[in-house]
Amino acid sequence: MEDVVPKSTTCILNGRELDIQAALEIRERKSSVDFRCHECGERVRAHKKGTTGQEAHFEHLSANPRCSLSSAR
């Protein structure tokens, strides 16, 4: 099975860029975290590596067709 390349592996939290591994660690400790897309500023969620080959990544809470990092494109 071929790995699927994630669209985004960084986000913004409290004005600072954060990678996916750090975000997943924070998510384990806190139930609600305000992760933001570094391109459009909309809210994103951190996802662990999937069983279908998808690497850990950020995904928009709501699809944003104007953002190149959203799955709506």
Protein backbone atom coordinates (compact mmCIF):
# COMPACT_ATOMS: atom_id res chain seq x y z
CA MET A 1 0.00 0.00 0.00
CA GLU A 2 1.34 3.47 -0.93
CA ASP A 3 1.54 6.11 1.80
CA VAL A 4 -0.73 9.11 1.35
CA VAL A 5 1.09 12.41 1.75
CA PRO A 6 -0.66 14.70 4.25
CA LYS A 7 -1.55 18.23 3.17
CA SER A 8 -0.45 19.86 6.43
CA THR A 9 1.90 18.75 9.21
CA THR A 10 2.19 22.13 10.95
CA CYS A 11 -0.31 24.48 12.56
CA ILE A 12 -0.43 27.64 14.64
CA LEU A 13 -1.16 27.55 18.38
CA ASN A 14 -1.10 30.78 20.37
CA GLY A 15 0.77 32.57 17.57
CA ARG A 16 3.52 29.94 17.26
CA GLU A 17 4.11 27.29 14.62
CA LEU A 18 3.77 23.74 15.92
CA ASP A 19 4.51 20.40 14.25
CA ILE A 20 2.10 17.48 14.25
CA GLN A 21 3.95 15.40 16.86
CA ALA A 22 3.96 18.24 19.40
CA ALA A 23 0.28 18.90 18.65
CA LEU A 24 -0.63 15.25 19.23
CA GLU A 25 1.16 15.34 22.59
CA ILE A 26 -0.76 18.47 23.59
CA ARG A 27 -4.03 16.93 22.41
CA GLU A 28 -3.43 13.94 24.70
CA ARG A 29 -3.21 16.28 27.72
CA LYS A 30 -5.99 18.75 26.83
CA SER A 31 -9.48 17.99 25.53
CA SER A 32 -9.94 21.27 23.66
CA VAL A 33 -7.08 22.98 21.84
CA ASP A 34 -7.39 25.90 19.39
CA PHE A 35 -5.11 24.69 16.58
CA ARG A 36 -5.21 26.99 13.53
CA CYS A 37 -4.25 26.46 9.88
CA HIS A 38 -1.03 28.32 9.14
CA GLU A 39 -2.35 29.32 5.69
CA CYS A 40 -5.93 30.49 6.27
CA GLY A 41 -6.20 30.76 10.06
CA GLU A 42 -9.26 28.52 10.36
CA ARG A 43 -9.52 25.84 13.05
CA VAL A 44 -7.89 22.45 12.39
CA ARG A 45 -7.68 19.18 14.32
CA ALA A 46 -4.66 16.94 14.76
CA HIS A 47 -4.99 13.35 13.50
CA LYS A 48 -2.77 10.41 14.37
CA LYS A 49 -1.28 8.18 11.68
CA GLY A 50 -4.05 6.09 10.18
CA THR A 51 -4.31 2.40 9.39
CA THR A 52 -4.85 3.15 5.69
CA GLY A 53 -1.38 4.66 5.18
CA GLN A 54 -2.31 8.27 5.94
CA GLU A 55 0.46 9.93 7.95
CA ALA A 56 -0.29 12.10 10.99
CA HIS A 57 -1.67 15.45 9.83
CA PHE A 58 -3.95 18.41 10.47
CA GLU A 59 -7.42 18.63 8.96
CA HIS A 60 -9.75 21.63 8.81
CA LEU A 61 -12.83 21.39 11.06
CA SER A 62 -14.86 22.89 8.21
CA ALA A 63 -13.85 22.49 4.57
CA ASN A 64 -12.37 25.67 3.13
CA PRO A 65 -12.22 25.70 -0.69
CA ARG A 66 -10.06 28.87 -0.59
CA CYS A 67 -7.26 27.14 1.37
CA SER A 68 -4.77 24.91 -0.46
CA LEU A 69 -4.35 22.84 2.74
CA SER A 70 -8.05 21.97 3.06
CA SER A 71 -9.40 18.68 1.75
CA ALA A 72 -12.16 20.70 0.00
CA ARG A 73 -9.79 21.53 -2.87
